[in-house]
Amino acid sequence: MNIKTFFFGISTDFVGTSELHIDVEENTSVKDFKSVLKERFAQLENINTYAIAVNEEYATDDLLLKLGDVVAVIPSVSGG
C-alpha cells in the first residue's frame, strides 16, 4: 500500500525532501508507520518529538492507515 507522506520543518532536512510515497503493509498503524520511517531515515531519531497527521487531522498511534491516506510528519516547534 502506497502512502503519500509530507515532511515539515527539520524533518525535511533529515529526509532530504518534503514529499515521498512510502510503501507499507495493509493494516499498518501510525505507530508502525513511525517505525518504518525511523528504519528508512535514521536521522529522524534526532527529533525528540513529532506529530503525525493523517488526512489533515492529528492521529493517534493506534489509527490504521488505509489506501489513499495522506500523512504529514510535523516536528515540534520551539523558539522565542
N, C-alpha and C. Protein backbone atom coordinates (compact mmCIF):
# COMPACT_ATOMS: atom_id res chain seq x y z
N MET A 1 0.86 -1.16 0.00
CA MET A 1 0.00 0.00 0.00
C MET A 1 0.91 1.23 0.00
N ASN A 2 0.60 2.17 -0.84
CA ASN A 2 1.43 3.36 -1.01
C ASN A 2 0.81 4.55 -0.26
N ILE A 3 1.59 5.17 0.62
CA ILE A 3 1.11 6.29 1.44
C ILE A 3 1.88 7.55 1.05
N LYS A 4 1.16 8.56 0.61
CA LYS A 4 1.78 9.86 0.31
C LYS A 4 2.12 10.52 1.63
N THR A 5 3.38 10.93 1.77
CA THR A 5 3.86 11.45 3.04
C THR A 5 4.54 12.80 2.83
N PHE A 6 4.13 13.77 3.62
CA PHE A 6 4.74 15.11 3.59
C PHE A 6 5.56 15.30 4.86
N PHE A 7 6.70 15.97 4.70
CA PHE A 7 7.58 16.28 5.83
C PHE A 7 7.65 17.78 5.99
N PHE A 8 7.65 18.23 7.24
CA PHE A 8 7.69 19.65 7.54
C PHE A 8 8.85 19.96 8.48
N GLY A 9 9.27 21.22 8.48
CA GLY A 9 10.32 21.68 9.39
C GLY A 9 11.61 20.90 9.23
N ILE A 10 12.23 20.62 10.36
CA ILE A 10 13.54 19.96 10.37
C ILE A 10 13.47 18.55 9.78
N SER A 11 12.30 17.92 9.81
CA SER A 11 12.21 16.57 9.24
C SER A 11 12.52 16.56 7.75
N THR A 12 12.22 17.67 7.07
CA THR A 12 12.56 17.79 5.64
C THR A 12 14.07 17.69 5.44
N ASP A 13 14.82 18.34 6.33
CA ASP A 13 16.29 18.28 6.24
C ASP A 13 16.80 16.86 6.48
N PHE A 14 16.23 16.18 7.46
CA PHE A 14 16.69 14.83 7.78
C PHE A 14 16.36 13.82 6.69
N VAL A 15 15.23 14.01 6.02
CA VAL A 15 14.79 13.07 4.99
C VAL A 15 15.33 13.47 3.61
N GLY A 16 15.57 14.76 3.42
CA GLY A 16 16.13 15.23 2.15
C GLY A 16 15.08 15.64 1.14
N THR A 17 13.81 15.65 1.53
CA THR A 17 12.73 16.06 0.64
C THR A 17 11.51 16.42 1.48
N SER A 18 10.56 17.07 0.87
CA SER A 18 9.34 17.42 1.60
C SER A 18 8.18 16.47 1.29
N GLU A 19 8.38 15.57 0.33
CA GLU A 19 7.29 14.67 -0.06
C GLU A 19 7.84 13.34 -0.57
N LEU A 20 7.26 12.26 -0.09
CA LEU A 20 7.64 10.92 -0.52
C LEU A 20 6.41 10.03 -0.59
N HIS A 21 6.50 8.97 -1.35
CA HIS A 21 5.50 7.91 -1.33
C HIS A 21 6.17 6.73 -0.64
N ILE A 22 5.54 6.25 0.44
CA ILE A 22 6.15 5.20 1.25
C ILE A 22 5.24 3.97 1.21
N ASP A 23 5.83 2.83 0.86
CA ASP A 23 5.09 1.58 0.80
C ASP A 23 5.05 0.93 2.18
N VAL A 24 3.85 0.54 2.59
CA VAL A 24 3.65 -0.18 3.85
C VAL A 24 2.65 -1.30 3.63
N GLU A 25 2.60 -2.23 4.55
CA GLU A 25 1.63 -3.32 4.51
C GLU A 25 0.24 -2.79 4.83
N GLU A 26 -0.79 -3.50 4.38
CA GLU A 26 -2.15 -3.15 4.78
C GLU A 26 -2.27 -3.31 6.29
N ASN A 27 -3.17 -2.55 6.90
CA ASN A 27 -3.41 -2.56 8.35
C ASN A 27 -2.20 -2.08 9.14
N THR A 28 -1.41 -1.20 8.56
CA THR A 28 -0.30 -0.57 9.27
C THR A 28 -0.85 0.54 10.14
N SER A 29 -0.47 0.53 11.42
CA SER A 29 -0.89 1.59 12.34
C SER A 29 0.06 2.77 12.23
N VAL A 30 -0.34 3.88 12.79
CA VAL A 30 0.54 5.06 12.82
C VAL A 30 1.82 4.72 13.59
N LYS A 31 1.68 3.97 14.66
CA LYS A 31 2.87 3.56 15.43
C LYS A 31 3.83 2.76 14.56
N ASP A 32 3.28 1.81 13.79
CA ASP A 32 4.12 1.02 12.88
C ASP A 32 4.73 1.90 11.79
N PHE A 33 3.95 2.87 11.31
CA PHE A 33 4.44 3.78 10.28
C PHE A 33 5.64 4.58 10.79
N LYS A 34 5.57 5.01 12.05
CA LYS A 34 6.70 5.73 12.65
C LYS A 34 7.94 4.84 12.67
N SER A 35 7.76 3.57 12.95
CA SER A 35 8.89 2.63 12.95
C SER A 35 9.49 2.49 11.56
N VAL A 36 8.62 2.42 10.55
CA VAL A 36 9.09 2.35 9.16
C VAL A 36 9.91 3.59 8.83
N LEU A 37 9.41 4.75 9.23
CA LEU A 37 10.14 5.99 8.97
C LEU A 37 11.51 5.97 9.62
N LYS A 38 11.58 5.54 10.88
CA LYS A 38 12.87 5.53 11.59
C LYS A 38 13.83 4.51 11.00
N GLU A 39 13.29 3.40 10.46
CA GLU A 39 14.15 2.42 9.80
C GLU A 39 14.75 2.99 8.52
N ARG A 40 13.92 3.69 7.74
CA ARG A 40 14.39 4.25 6.46
C ARG A 40 15.21 5.51 6.65
N PHE A 41 14.91 6.28 7.68
CA PHE A 41 15.56 7.58 7.89
C PHE A 41 16.01 7.67 9.34
N ALA A 42 17.16 7.07 9.62
CA ALA A 42 17.68 7.02 11.00
C ALA A 42 17.85 8.42 11.60
N GLN A 43 18.02 9.43 10.74
CA GLN A 43 18.21 10.79 11.22
C GLN A 43 16.99 11.30 11.99
N LEU A 44 15.83 10.72 11.75
CA LEU A 44 14.62 11.15 12.46
C LEU A 44 14.73 10.89 13.96
N GLU A 45 15.66 10.03 14.36
CA GLU A 45 15.91 9.81 15.79
C GLU A 45 16.37 11.10 16.46
N ASN A 46 16.90 12.03 15.68
CA ASN A 46 17.39 13.30 16.23
C ASN A 46 16.27 14.25 16.62
N ILE A 47 15.04 13.93 16.23
CA ILE A 47 13.89 14.76 16.60
C ILE A 47 13.30 14.16 17.87
N ASN A 48 13.23 14.98 18.93
CA ASN A 48 12.70 14.47 20.20
C ASN A 48 11.25 14.03 20.07
N THR A 49 10.43 14.88 19.49
CA THR A 49 9.02 14.53 19.32
C THR A 49 8.53 15.08 17.99
N TYR A 50 7.58 14.36 17.43
CA TYR A 50 6.90 14.87 16.25
C TYR A 50 5.51 14.26 16.19
N ALA A 51 4.61 15.00 15.60
CA ALA A 51 3.24 14.55 15.46
C ALA A 51 3.04 13.96 14.08
N ILE A 52 2.07 13.09 13.99
CA ILE A 52 1.65 12.53 12.71
C ILE A 52 0.22 12.98 12.48
N ALA A 53 -0.01 13.55 11.31
CA ALA A 53 -1.37 13.88 10.91
C ALA A 53 -1.74 12.99 9.73
N VAL A 54 -2.97 12.51 9.73
CA VAL A 54 -3.48 11.69 8.64
C VAL A 54 -4.69 12.41 8.07
N ASN A 55 -4.60 12.73 6.80
CA ASN A 55 -5.69 13.45 6.12
C ASN A 55 -6.04 14.75 6.85
N GLU A 56 -4.99 15.48 7.23
CA GLU A 56 -5.08 16.81 7.83
C GLU A 56 -5.67 16.83 9.23
N GLU A 57 -5.62 15.68 9.94
CA GLU A 57 -6.04 15.62 11.33
C GLU A 57 -5.00 14.86 12.12
N TYR A 58 -4.65 15.40 13.32
CA TYR A 58 -3.68 14.70 14.15
C TYR A 58 -4.17 13.29 14.45
N ALA A 59 -3.25 12.34 14.42
CA ALA A 59 -3.61 10.93 14.56
C ALA A 59 -2.97 10.32 15.80
N THR A 60 -3.66 9.35 16.38
CA THR A 60 -3.11 8.59 17.49
C THR A 60 -2.36 7.39 16.94
N ASP A 61 -1.51 6.79 17.77
CA ASP A 61 -0.67 5.68 17.33
C ASP A 61 -1.47 4.46 16.88
N ASP A 62 -2.69 4.30 17.37
CA ASP A 62 -3.45 3.10 17.04
C ASP A 62 -4.28 3.23 15.75
N LEU A 63 -4.30 4.41 15.14
CA LEU A 63 -5.05 4.60 13.90
C LEU A 63 -4.44 3.74 12.79
N LEU A 64 -5.29 3.01 12.06
CA LEU A 64 -4.82 2.19 10.94
C LEU A 64 -4.86 3.01 9.66
N LEU A 65 -3.76 2.98 8.91
CA LEU A 65 -3.69 3.68 7.64
C LEU A 65 -4.42 2.89 6.57
N LYS A 66 -4.99 3.61 5.61
CA LYS A 66 -5.66 2.94 4.51
C LYS A 66 -5.22 3.57 3.19
N LEU A 67 -5.47 2.84 2.11
CA LEU A 67 -5.10 3.31 0.78
C LEU A 67 -5.70 4.69 0.53
N GLY A 68 -4.90 5.60 0.03
CA GLY A 68 -5.36 6.94 -0.26
C GLY A 68 -5.11 7.94 0.86
N ASP A 69 -4.69 7.46 2.04
CA ASP A 69 -4.39 8.39 3.13
C ASP A 69 -3.18 9.24 2.79
N VAL A 70 -3.19 10.44 3.32
CA VAL A 70 -2.05 11.35 3.20
C VAL A 70 -1.55 11.62 4.61
N VAL A 71 -0.26 11.37 4.82
CA VAL A 71 0.34 11.51 6.14
C VAL A 71 1.28 12.71 6.14
N ALA A 72 1.28 13.45 7.26
CA ALA A 72 2.21 14.56 7.45
C ALA A 72 3.03 14.30 8.71
N VAL A 73 4.33 14.53 8.61
CA VAL A 73 5.24 14.43 9.76
C VAL A 73 5.52 15.85 10.19
N ILE A 74 5.10 16.17 11.44
CA ILE A 74 5.16 17.54 11.93
C ILE A 74 5.98 17.60 13.21
N PRO A 75 7.23 18.07 13.12
CA PRO A 75 8.06 18.18 14.32
C PRO A 75 7.55 19.29 15.23
N SER A 76 7.90 19.14 16.52
CA SER A 76 7.59 20.21 17.47
C SER A 76 8.34 21.47 17.08
N VAL A 77 7.73 22.59 17.35
CA VAL A 77 8.34 23.88 17.03
C VAL A 77 8.70 24.56 18.33
N SER A 78 9.91 25.09 18.38
CA SER A 78 10.31 25.86 19.57
C SER A 78 10.96 27.15 19.12
N GLY A 79 11.04 28.05 20.00
CA GLY A 79 11.65 29.33 19.67
C GLY A 79 11.13 30.41 20.59
N GLY A 80 11.56 31.61 20.31
CA GLY A 80 11.18 32.68 21.22
C GLY A 80 10.54 33.82 20.54
